[in-house]
Amino acid sequence: TYRTHGHAIARGTDPKRVMAELFGREDGCSRGRGASMHIFDLARCLQ
């Protein structure tokens, strides 16, 4: 629900991609569209 940055990192998502997501960048794990509240990484089964 909330506070999922750490879950993404622990599941193997590159921390640089998670941080890029927080900045709304295209290289973020949700292509910059999810920000902090919508971390998504299908390759890591994280929703």
All heavy atoms as atom14 arrays in JSON, in Angstrom:
{
  "sequence": "TYRTHGHAIARGTDPKRVMAELFGREDGCSRGRGASMHIFDLARCLQ",
  "atom14_mask": [
    [1, 1, 1, 1, 1, 1, 1, 0, 0, 0, 0, 0, 0, 0],
    [1, 1, 1, 1, 1, 1, 1, 1, 1, 1, 1, 1, 0, 0],
    [1, 1, 1, 1, 1, 1, 1, 1, 1, 1, 1, 0, 0, 0],
    [1, 1, 1, 1, 1, 1, 1, 0, 0, 0, 0, 0, 0, 0],
    [1, 1, 1, 1, 1, 1, 1, 1, 1, 1, 0, 0, 0, 0],
    [1, 1, 1, 1, 0, 0, 0, 0, 0, 0, 0, 0, 0, 0],
    [1, 1, 1, 1, 1, 1, 1, 1, 1, 1, 0, 0, 0, 0],
    [1, 1, 1, 1, 1, 0, 0, 0, 0, 0, 0, 0, 0, 0],
    [1, 1, 1, 1, 1, 1, 1, 1, 0, 0, 0, 0, 0, 0],
    [1, 1, 1, 1, 1, 0, 0, 0, 0, 0, 0, 0, 0, 0],
    [1, 1, 1, 1, 1, 1, 1, 1, 1, 1, 1, 0, 0, 0],
    [1, 1, 1, 1, 0, 0, 0, 0, 0, 0, 0, 0, 0, 0],
    [1, 1, 1, 1, 1, 1, 1, 0, 0, 0, 0, 0, 0, 0],
    [1, 1, 1, 1, 1, 1, 1, 1, 0, 0, 0, 0, 0, 0],
    [1, 1, 1, 1, 1, 1, 1, 0, 0, 0, 0, 0, 0, 0],
    [1, 1, 1, 1, 1, 1, 1, 1, 1, 0, 0, 0, 0, 0],
    [1, 1, 1, 1, 1, 1, 1, 1, 1, 1, 1, 0, 0, 0],
    [1, 1, 1, 1, 1, 1, 1, 0, 0, 0, 0, 0, 0, 0],
    [1, 1, 1, 1, 1, 1, 1, 1, 0, 0, 0, 0, 0, 0],
    [1, 1, 1, 1, 1, 0, 0, 0, 0, 0, 0, 0, 0, 0],
    [1, 1, 1, 1, 1, 1, 1, 1, 1, 0, 0, 0, 0, 0],
    [1, 1, 1, 1, 1, 1, 1, 1, 0, 0, 0, 0, 0, 0],
    [1, 1, 1, 1, 1, 1, 1, 1, 1, 1, 1, 0, 0, 0],
    [1, 1, 1, 1, 0, 0, 0, 0, 0, 0, 0, 0, 0, 0],
    [1, 1, 1, 1, 1, 1, 1, 1, 1, 1, 1, 0, 0, 0],
    [1, 1, 1, 1, 1, 1, 1, 1, 1, 0, 0, 0, 0, 0],
    [1, 1, 1, 1, 1, 1, 1, 1, 0, 0, 0, 0, 0, 0],
    [1, 1, 1, 1, 0, 0, 0, 0, 0, 0, 0, 0, 0, 0],
    [1, 1, 1, 1, 1, 1, 0, 0, 0, 0, 0, 0, 0, 0],
    [1, 1, 1, 1, 1, 1, 0, 0, 0, 0, 0, 0, 0, 0],
    [1, 1, 1, 1, 1, 1, 1, 1, 1, 1, 1, 0, 0, 0],
    [1, 1, 1, 1, 0, 0, 0, 0, 0, 0, 0, 0, 0, 0],
    [1, 1, 1, 1, 1, 1, 1, 1, 1, 1, 1, 0, 0, 0],
    [1, 1, 1, 1, 0, 0, 0, 0, 0, 0, 0, 0, 0, 0],
    [1, 1, 1, 1, 1, 0, 0, 0, 0, 0, 0, 0, 0, 0],
    [1, 1, 1, 1, 1, 1, 0, 0, 0, 0, 0, 0, 0, 0],
    [1, 1, 1, 1, 1, 1, 1, 1, 0, 0, 0, 0, 0, 0],
    [1, 1, 1, 1, 1, 1, 1, 1, 1, 1, 0, 0, 0, 0],
    [1, 1, 1, 1, 1, 1, 1, 1, 0, 0, 0, 0, 0, 0],
    [1, 1, 1, 1, 1, 1, 1, 1, 1, 1, 1, 0, 0, 0],
    [1, 1, 1, 1, 1, 1, 1, 1, 0, 0, 0, 0, 0, 0],
    [1, 1, 1, 1, 1, 1, 1, 1, 0, 0, 0, 0, 0, 0],
    [1, 1, 1, 1, 1, 0, 0, 0, 0, 0, 0, 0, 0, 0],
    [1, 1, 1, 1, 1, 1, 1, 1, 1, 1, 1, 0, 0, 0],
    [1, 1, 1, 1, 1, 1, 0, 0, 0, 0, 0, 0, 0, 0],
    [1, 1, 1, 1, 1, 1, 1, 1, 0, 0, 0, 0, 0, 0],
    [1, 1, 1, 1, 1, 1, 1, 1, 1, 0, 0, 0, 0, 0]
  ],
  "atom14_positions": [
    [[0.85, -1.19, 0.0], [0.0, 0.0, 0.0], [0.89, 1.24, 0.0], [1.07, 1.86, -1.02], [-0.95, -0.01, 1.21], [-0.2, -0.21, 2.4], [-1.98, -1.12, 1.06], [0.0, 0.0, 0.0], [0.0, 0.0, 0.0], [0.0, 0.0, 0.0], [0.0, 0.0, 0.0], [0.0, 0.0, 0.0], [0.0, 0.0, 0.0], [0.0, 0.0, 0.0]],
    [[1.45, 1.58, 1.12], [2.39, 2.69, 1.22], [3.74, 2.15, 1.64], [3.87, 1.0, 2.03], [1.92, 3.7, 2.28], [0.59, 4.33, 1.96], [-0.56, 3.94, 2.62], [0.5, 5.31, 0.98], [-1.78, 4.51, 2.32], [-0.71, 5.9, 0.68], [-1.85, 5.49, 1.36], [-3.03, 6.07, 1.06], [0.0, 0.0, 0.0], [0.0, 0.0, 0.0]],
    [[4.73, 2.99, 1.57], [6.07, 2.66, 2.04], [6.66, 1.45, 1.31], [7.19, 0.54, 1.92], [6.05, 2.42, 3.55], [5.42, 3.54, 4.33], [5.38, 3.3, 5.8], [4.4, 4.03, 6.52], [4.14, 5.34, 6.49], [4.82, 6.1, 5.71], [3.23, 5.89, 7.23], [0.0, 0.0, 0.0], [0.0, 0.0, 0.0], [0.0, 0.0, 0.0]],
    [[6.57, 1.44, -0.01], [7.03, 0.28, -0.78], [8.36, 0.46, -1.48], [8.77, -0.43, -2.21], [5.96, -0.13, -1.82], [5.69, 0.98, -2.67], [4.7, -0.62, -1.16], [0.0, 0.0, 0.0], [0.0, 0.0, 0.0], [0.0, 0.0, 0.0], [0.0, 0.0, 0.0], [0.0, 0.0, 0.0], [0.0, 0.0, 0.0], [0.0, 0.0, 0.0]],
    [[9.04, 1.58, -1.25], [10.36, 1.75, -1.88], [11.27, 0.6, -1.47], [11.96, 0.0, -2.29], [11.04, 3.06, -1.46], [10.17, 4.25, -1.51], [10.15, 5.19, -0.5], [9.27, 4.67, -2.42], [9.28, 6.13, -0.81], [8.73, 5.84, -1.96], [0.0, 0.0, 0.0], [0.0, 0.0, 0.0], [0.0, 0.0, 0.0], [0.0, 0.0, 0.0]],
    [[11.3, 0.32, -0.17], [12.17, -0.73, 0.36], [11.82, -2.11, -0.15], [12.69, -2.93, -0.38], [0.0, 0.0, 0.0], [0.0, 0.0, 0.0], [0.0, 0.0, 0.0], [0.0, 0.0, 0.0], [0.0, 0.0, 0.0], [0.0, 0.0, 0.0], [0.0, 0.0, 0.0], [0.0, 0.0, 0.0], [0.0, 0.0, 0.0], [0.0, 0.0, 0.0]],
    [[10.52, -2.36, -0.35], [10.1, -3.65, -0.89], [10.66, -3.84, -2.29], [11.13, -4.91, -2.64], [8.57, -3.75, -0.91], [7.96, -3.76, 0.44], [7.67, -2.61, 1.14], [7.58, -4.79, 1.23], [7.14, -2.94, 2.29], [7.07, -4.25, 2.38], [0.0, 0.0, 0.0], [0.0, 0.0, 0.0], [0.0, 0.0, 0.0], [0.0, 0.0, 0.0]],
    [[10.59, -2.79, -3.09], [11.11, -2.87, -4.46], [12.61, -3.15, -4.43], [13.1, -4.02, -5.16], [10.82, -1.58, -5.21], [0.0, 0.0, 0.0], [0.0, 0.0, 0.0], [0.0, 0.0, 0.0], [0.0, 0.0, 0.0], [0.0, 0.0, 0.0], [0.0, 0.0, 0.0], [0.0, 0.0, 0.0], [0.0, 0.0, 0.0], [0.0, 0.0, 0.0]],
    [[13.32, -2.45, -3.57], [14.77, -2.64, -3.47], [15.09, -4.05, -2.98], [15.95, -4.73, -3.52], [15.39, -1.56, -2.57], [15.26, -0.19, -3.26], [16.84, -1.89, -2.24], [15.57, 0.99, -2.36], [0.0, 0.0, 0.0], [0.0, 0.0, 0.0], [0.0, 0.0, 0.0], [0.0, 0.0, 0.0], [0.0, 0.0, 0.0], [0.0, 0.0, 0.0]],
    [[14.37, -4.5, -1.96], [14.62, -5.83, -1.41], [14.3, -6.93, -2.42], [14.92, -7.99, -2.39], [13.8, -6.04, -0.14], [0.0, 0.0, 0.0], [0.0, 0.0, 0.0], [0.0, 0.0, 0.0], [0.0, 0.0, 0.0], [0.0, 0.0, 0.0], [0.0, 0.0, 0.0], [0.0, 0.0, 0.0], [0.0, 0.0, 0.0], [0.0, 0.0, 0.0]],
    [[13.36, -6.68, -3.31], [13.01, -7.67, -4.34], [13.96, -7.61, -5.54], [13.86, -8.42, -6.45], [11.58, -7.46, -4.83], [10.5, -7.87, -3.85], [10.4, -9.36, -3.72], [9.89, -9.96, -4.94], [9.18, -11.06, -4.98], [8.87, -11.68, -3.88], [8.76, -11.54, -6.13], [0.0, 0.0, 0.0], [0.0, 0.0, 0.0], [0.0, 0.0, 0.0]],
    [[14.86, -6.63, -5.56], [15.87, -6.59, -6.61], [15.75, -5.47, -7.6], [16.54, -5.39, -8.54], [0.0, 0.0, 0.0], [0.0, 0.0, 0.0], [0.0, 0.0, 0.0], [0.0, 0.0, 0.0], [0.0, 0.0, 0.0], [0.0, 0.0, 0.0], [0.0, 0.0, 0.0], [0.0, 0.0, 0.0], [0.0, 0.0, 0.0], [0.0, 0.0, 0.0]],
    [[14.78, -4.57, -7.45], [14.69, -3.42, -8.34], [15.88, -2.5, -8.06], [16.2, -2.24, -6.9], [13.37, -2.67, -8.13], [12.28, -3.57, -8.33], [13.23, -1.5, -9.09], [0.0, 0.0, 0.0], [0.0, 0.0, 0.0], [0.0, 0.0, 0.0], [0.0, 0.0, 0.0], [0.0, 0.0, 0.0], [0.0, 0.0, 0.0], [0.0, 0.0, 0.0]],
    [[16.51, -2.04, -9.09], [17.67, -1.14, -8.95], [17.25, 0.11, -8.19], [16.31, 0.8, -8.6], [18.18, -0.77, -10.34], [19.43, 0.08, -10.32], [19.82, 0.59, -9.25], [20.01, 0.25, -11.4], [0.0, 0.0, 0.0], [0.0, 0.0, 0.0], [0.0, 0.0, 0.0], [0.0, 0.0, 0.0], [0.0, 0.0, 0.0], [0.0, 0.0, 0.0]],
    [[17.92, 0.43, -7.08], [17.56, 1.64, -6.32], [17.58, 2.92, -7.17], [16.8, 3.84, -6.92], [18.62, 1.7, -5.22], [19.11, 0.31, -5.09], [19.0, -0.31, -6.45], [0.0, 0.0, 0.0], [0.0, 0.0, 0.0], [0.0, 0.0, 0.0], [0.0, 0.0, 0.0], [0.0, 0.0, 0.0], [0.0, 0.0, 0.0], [0.0, 0.0, 0.0]],
    [[18.44, 2.96, -8.19], [18.48, 4.13, -9.07], [17.16, 4.28, -9.83], [16.69, 5.4, -10.04], [19.65, 4.04, -10.04], [20.99, 4.16, -9.37], [22.12, 4.0, -10.35], [23.45, 4.05, -9.61], [24.57, 3.83, -10.51], [0.0, 0.0, 0.0], [0.0, 0.0, 0.0], [0.0, 0.0, 0.0], [0.0, 0.0, 0.0], [0.0, 0.0, 0.0]],
    [[16.56, 3.16, -10.22], [15.26, 3.22, -10.92], [14.14, 3.64, -9.96], [13.22, 4.32, -10.37], [14.94, 1.85, -11.54], [15.86, 1.53, -12.71], [15.43, 0.28, -13.45], [14.11, 0.5, -14.02], [13.15, -0.42, -14.04], [13.35, -1.61, -13.54], [11.98, -0.16, -14.58], [0.0, 0.0, 0.0], [0.0, 0.0, 0.0], [0.0, 0.0, 0.0]],
    [[14.23, 3.2, -8.71], [13.22, 3.6, -7.73], [13.34, 5.1, -7.46], [12.33, 5.82, -7.45], [13.35, 2.79, -6.41], [12.31, 3.24, -5.39], [13.22, 1.29, -6.68], [0.0, 0.0, 0.0], [0.0, 0.0, 0.0], [0.0, 0.0, 0.0], [0.0, 0.0, 0.0], [0.0, 0.0, 0.0], [0.0, 0.0, 0.0], [0.0, 0.0, 0.0]],
    [[14.56, 5.6, -7.29], [14.76, 7.03, -7.06], [14.33, 7.83, -8.28], [13.69, 8.88, -8.14], [16.22, 7.33, -6.71], [16.47, 8.75, -6.22], [15.66, 9.17, -4.65], [16.78, 8.4, -3.47], [0.0, 0.0, 0.0], [0.0, 0.0, 0.0], [0.0, 0.0, 0.0], [0.0, 0.0, 0.0], [0.0, 0.0, 0.0], [0.0, 0.0, 0.0]],
    [[14.63, 7.34, -9.47], [14.2, 8.02, -10.69], [12.68, 8.12, -10.73], [12.12, 9.13, -11.19], [14.72, 7.28, -11.93], [0.0, 0.0, 0.0], [0.0, 0.0, 0.0], [0.0, 0.0, 0.0], [0.0, 0.0, 0.0], [0.0, 0.0, 0.0], [0.0, 0.0, 0.0], [0.0, 0.0, 0.0], [0.0, 0.0, 0.0], [0.0, 0.0, 0.0]],
    [[12.0, 7.12, -10.25], [10.54, 7.15, -10.19], [10.05, 8.26, -9.27], [9.08, 8.96, -9.58], [10.0, 5.79, -9.72], [8.51, 5.68, -9.79], [7.98, 5.83, -11.21], [8.65, 5.41, -12.17], [6.88, 6.38, -11.35], [0.0, 0.0, 0.0], [0.0, 0.0, 0.0], [0.0, 0.0, 0.0], [0.0, 0.0, 0.0], [0.0, 0.0, 0.0]],
    [[10.74, 8.46, -8.15], [10.35, 9.53, -7.22], [10.49, 10.91, -7.86], [9.77, 11.84, -7.5], [11.19, 9.47, -5.94], [11.12, 8.18, -5.13], [11.93, 8.31, -3.86], [9.7, 7.78, -4.83], [0.0, 0.0, 0.0], [0.0, 0.0, 0.0], [0.0, 0.0, 0.0], [0.0, 0.0, 0.0], [0.0, 0.0, 0.0], [0.0, 0.0, 0.0]],
    [[11.41, 11.01, -8.8], [11.63, 12.27, -9.5], [10.78, 12.4, -10.76], [10.86, 13.39, -11.47], [13.11, 12.41, -9.88], [13.99, 12.82, -8.74], [14.51, 11.86, -7.89], [14.27, 14.15, -8.49], [15.31, 12.23, -6.82], [15.06, 14.52, -7.42], [15.59, 13.57, -6.58], [0.0, 0.0, 0.0], [0.0, 0.0, 0.0], [0.0, 0.0, 0.0]],
    [[9.96, 11.37, -11.04], [9.09, 11.43, -12.21], [9.82, 11.26, -13.52], [9.34, 11.71, -14.56], [0.0, 0.0, 0.0], [0.0, 0.0, 0.0], [0.0, 0.0, 0.0], [0.0, 0.0, 0.0], [0.0, 0.0, 0.0], [0.0, 0.0, 0.0], [0.0, 0.0, 0.0], [0.0, 0.0, 0.0], [0.0, 0.0, 0.0], [0.0, 0.0, 0.0]],
    [[10.95, 10.6, -13.5], [11.75, 10.44, -14.7], [11.34, 9.21, -15.5], [10.87, 8.2, -14.94], [13.23, 10.35, -14.32], [13.74, 11.66, -13.77], [15.18, 11.66, -13.35], [15.96, 10.54, -13.84], [17.18, 10.26, -13.42], [17.74, 11.01, -12.5], [17.83, 9.23, -13.89], [0.0, 0.0, 0.0], [0.0, 0.0, 0.0], [0.0, 0.0, 0.0]],
    [[11.54, 9.26, -16.78], [11.19, 8.18, -17.7], [11.94, 6.89, -17.37], [11.43, 5.79, -17.61], [11.51, 8.62, -19.14], [11.17, 7.6, -20.19], [9.67, 7.39, -20.4], [8.89, 8.3, -20.1], [9.3, 6.3, -20.88], [0.0, 0.0, 0.0], [0.0, 0.0, 0.0], [0.0, 0.0, 0.0], [0.0, 0.0, 0.0], [0.0, 0.0, 0.0]],
    [[13.14, 6.98, -16.81], [13.91, 5.77, -16.47], [13.52, 5.19, -15.11], [14.15, 4.27, -14.62], [15.42, 6.02, -16.56], [15.89, 7.16, -15.67], [15.07, 8.04, -15.31], [17.09, 7.18, -15.33], [0.0, 0.0, 0.0], [0.0, 0.0, 0.0], [0.0, 0.0, 0.0], [0.0, 0.0, 0.0], [0.0, 0.0, 0.0], [0.0, 0.0, 0.0]],
    [[12.46, 5.71, -14.51], [11.94, 5.16, -13.27], [11.27, 3.82, -13.5], [10.95, 3.45, -14.63], [0.0, 0.0, 0.0], [0.0, 0.0, 0.0], [0.0, 0.0, 0.0], [0.0, 0.0, 0.0], [0.0, 0.0, 0.0], [0.0, 0.0, 0.0], [0.0, 0.0, 0.0], [0.0, 0.0, 0.0], [0.0, 0.0, 0.0], [0.0, 0.0, 0.0]],
    [[11.04, 3.08, -12.44], [10.49, 1.73, -12.58], [9.04, 1.72, -13.08], [8.57, 0.7, -13.59], [10.61, 0.94, -11.29], [9.94, 1.73, -9.84], [0.0, 0.0, 0.0], [0.0, 0.0, 0.0], [0.0, 0.0, 0.0], [0.0, 0.0, 0.0], [0.0, 0.0, 0.0], [0.0, 0.0, 0.0], [0.0, 0.0, 0.0], [0.0, 0.0, 0.0]],
    [[8.34, 2.85, -12.99], [7.0, 2.98, -13.6], [7.01, 4.07, -14.66], [6.01, 4.75, -14.89], [5.96, 3.29, -12.52], [5.85, 2.24, -11.61], [0.0, 0.0, 0.0], [0.0, 0.0, 0.0], [0.0, 0.0, 0.0], [0.0, 0.0, 0.0], [0.0, 0.0, 0.0], [0.0, 0.0, 0.0], [0.0, 0.0, 0.0], [0.0, 0.0, 0.0]],
    [[8.18, 4.25, -15.25], [8.41, 5.25, -16.32], [8.05, 6.67, -15.86], [7.62, 7.5, -16.66], [7.66, 4.85, -17.57], [8.11, 3.47, -18.06], [7.44, 3.03, -19.28], [8.01, 3.81, -20.4], [7.52, 3.78, -21.61], [6.47, 3.05, -21.88], [8.07, 4.5, -22.56], [0.0, 0.0, 0.0], [0.0, 0.0, 0.0], [0.0, 0.0, 0.0]],
    [[8.21, 6.93, -14.57], [7.99, 8.26, -14.04], [6.54, 8.61, -13.77], [6.23, 9.72, -13.38], [0.0, 0.0, 0.0], [0.0, 0.0, 0.0], [0.0, 0.0, 0.0], [0.0, 0.0, 0.0], [0.0, 0.0, 0.0], [0.0, 0.0, 0.0], [0.0, 0.0, 0.0], [0.0, 0.0, 0.0], [0.0, 0.0, 0.0], [0.0, 0.0, 0.0]],
    [[5.64, 7.67, -13.94], [4.21, 7.96, -13.8], [3.65, 7.59, -12.43], [2.54, 7.99, -12.1], [3.44, 7.22, -14.88], [3.77, 7.73, -16.28], [3.0, 6.96, -17.33], [3.29, 7.47, -18.65], [4.21, 6.96, -19.46], [4.93, 5.94, -19.08], [4.41, 7.48, -20.65], [0.0, 0.0, 0.0], [0.0, 0.0, 0.0], [0.0, 0.0, 0.0]],
    [[4.36, 6.81, -11.67], [3.82, 6.32, -10.41], [4.25, 7.1, -9.19], [3.55, 7.12, -8.19], [0.0, 0.0, 0.0], [0.0, 0.0, 0.0], [0.0, 0.0, 0.0], [0.0, 0.0, 0.0], [0.0, 0.0, 0.0], [0.0, 0.0, 0.0], [0.0, 0.0, 0.0], [0.0, 0.0, 0.0], [0.0, 0.0, 0.0], [0.0, 0.0, 0.0]],
    [[5.42, 7.71, -9.26], [6.01, 8.43, -8.12], [6.13, 7.5, -6.91], [6.2, 6.29, -7.06], [5.22, 9.69, -7.81], [0.0, 0.0, 0.0], [0.0, 0.0, 0.0], [0.0, 0.0, 0.0], [0.0, 0.0, 0.0], [0.0, 0.0, 0.0], [0.0, 0.0, 0.0], [0.0, 0.0, 0.0], [0.0, 0.0, 0.0], [0.0, 0.0, 0.0]],
    [[6.15, 8.07, -5.73], [6.37, 7.29, -4.51], [5.22, 6.34, -4.2], [5.42, 5.26, -3.65], [6.55, 8.25, -3.33], [6.65, 7.54, -2.12], [0.0, 0.0, 0.0], [0.0, 0.0, 0.0], [0.0, 0.0, 0.0], [0.0, 0.0, 0.0], [0.0, 0.0, 0.0], [0.0, 0.0, 0.0], [0.0, 0.0, 0.0], [0.0, 0.0, 0.0]],
    [[4.03, 6.73, -4.56], [2.85, 5.97, -4.14], [2.53, 4.78, -5.05], [1.71, 3.95, -4.7], [1.64, 6.89, -4.08], [1.84, 8.1, -3.21], [1.05, 8.04, -1.64], [-0.6, 7.62, -2.0], [0.0, 0.0, 0.0], [0.0, 0.0, 0.0], [0.0, 0.0, 0.0], [0.0, 0.0, 0.0], [0.0, 0.0, 0.0], [0.0, 0.0, 0.0]],
    [[3.15, 4.69, -6.21], [2.81, 3.63, -7.15], [4.06, 2.98, -7.73], [4.27, 2.97, -8.94], [1.92, 4.18, -8.28], [0.66, 4.79, -7.77], [-0.42, 4.04, -7.4], [0.34, 6.09, -7.54], [-1.38, 4.85, -6.98], [-0.94, 6.08, -7.05], [0.0, 0.0, 0.0], [0.0, 0.0, 0.0], [0.0, 0.0, 0.0], [0.0, 0.0, 0.0]],
    [[4.88, 2.42, -6.87], [6.07, 1.71, -7.31], [5.61, 0.38, -7.92], [4.85, -0.37, -7.31], [7.03, 1.45, -6.13], [7.46, 2.77, -5.48], [8.23, 0.63, -6.56], [8.27, 3.68, -6.37], [0.0, 0.0, 0.0], [0.0, 0.0, 0.0], [0.0, 0.0, 0.0], [0.0, 0.0, 0.0], [0.0, 0.0, 0.0], [0.0, 0.0, 0.0]],
    [[6.05, 0.11, -9.13], [5.63, -1.09, -9.84], [6.81, -1.65, -10.6], [7.53, -0.92, -11.27], [4.5, -0.73, -10.82], [4.07, -1.87, -11.69], [3.21, -2.84, -11.19], [4.52, -1.99, -12.99], [2.81, -3.91, -11.98], [4.12, -3.05, -13.78], [3.26, -4.0, -13.29], [0.0, 0.0, 0.0], [0.0, 0.0, 0.0], [0.0, 0.0, 0.0]],
    [[7.02, -2.94, -10.48], [8.08, -3.61, -11.22], [7.6, -5.02, -11.55], [7.7, -5.93, -10.73], [9.36, -3.64, -10.41], [10.56, -4.15, -11.21], [10.36, -4.7, -12.31], [11.69, -3.98, -10.72], [0.0, 0.0, 0.0], [0.0, 0.0, 0.0], [0.0, 0.0, 0.0], [0.0, 0.0, 0.0], [0.0, 0.0, 0.0], [0.0, 0.0, 0.0]],
    [[7.02, -5.2, -12.73], [6.46, -6.48, -13.12], [7.51, -7.59, -13.11], [7.22, -8.72, -12.72], [5.79, -6.38, -14.49], [5.09, -7.65, -14.97], [3.99, -8.08, -14.01], [4.53, -7.44, -16.36], [0.0, 0.0, 0.0], [0.0, 0.0, 0.0], [0.0, 0.0, 0.0], [0.0, 0.0, 0.0], [0.0, 0.0, 0.0], [0.0, 0.0, 0.0]],
    [[8.72, -7.26, -13.52], [9.77, -8.28, -13.56], [10.07, -8.83, -12.16], [10.54, -9.95, -12.01], [11.05, -7.69, -14.16], [0.0, 0.0, 0.0], [0.0, 0.0, 0.0], [0.0, 0.0, 0.0], [0.0, 0.0, 0.0], [0.0, 0.0, 0.0], [0.0, 0.0, 0.0], [0.0, 0.0, 0.0], [0.0, 0.0, 0.0], [0.0, 0.0, 0.0]],
    [[9.79, -8.07, -11.11], [10.02, -8.49, -9.74], [8.72, -8.86, -9.04], [8.68, -9.02, -7.83], [10.72, -7.41, -8.95], [12.01, -6.86, -9.55], [13.16, -7.8, -9.37], [14.43, -7.41, -9.88], [14.74, -7.01, -11.11], [13.82, -6.83, -12.0], [15.97, -6.76, -11.47], [0.0, 0.0, 0.0], [0.0, 0.0, 0.0], [0.0, 0.0, 0.0]],
    [[7.62, -8.93, -9.78], [6.29, -9.27, -9.22], [5.89, -8.32, -8.1], [5.33, -8.72, -7.09], [6.25, -10.72, -8.74], [6.51, -11.93, -10.04], [0.0, 0.0, 0.0], [0.0, 0.0, 0.0], [0.0, 0.0, 0.0], [0.0, 0.0, 0.0], [0.0, 0.0, 0.0], [0.0, 0.0, 0.0], [0.0, 0.0, 0.0], [0.0, 0.0, 0.0]],
    [[6.21, -7.05, -8.27], [5.89, -6.05, -7.26], [4.8, -5.13, -7.8], [4.96, -4.53, -8.84], [7.14, -5.22, -6.91], [6.92, -4.1, -5.91], [6.76, -4.69, -4.52], [8.07, -3.13, -5.95], [0.0, 0.0, 0.0], [0.0, 0.0, 0.0], [0.0, 0.0, 0.0], [0.0, 0.0, 0.0], [0.0, 0.0, 0.0], [0.0, 0.0, 0.0]],
    [[3.73, -5.04, -7.06], [2.62, -4.18, -7.45], [2.15, -3.41, -6.24], [2.34, -3.83, -5.11], [1.45, -4.98, -8.01], [1.8, -5.76, -9.24], [0.62, -6.59, -9.72], [-0.35, -6.77, -9.01], [0.73, -7.1, -10.92], [0.0, 0.0, 0.0], [0.0, 0.0, 0.0], [0.0, 0.0, 0.0], [0.0, 0.0, 0.0], [0.0, 0.0, 0.0]]
  ]
}
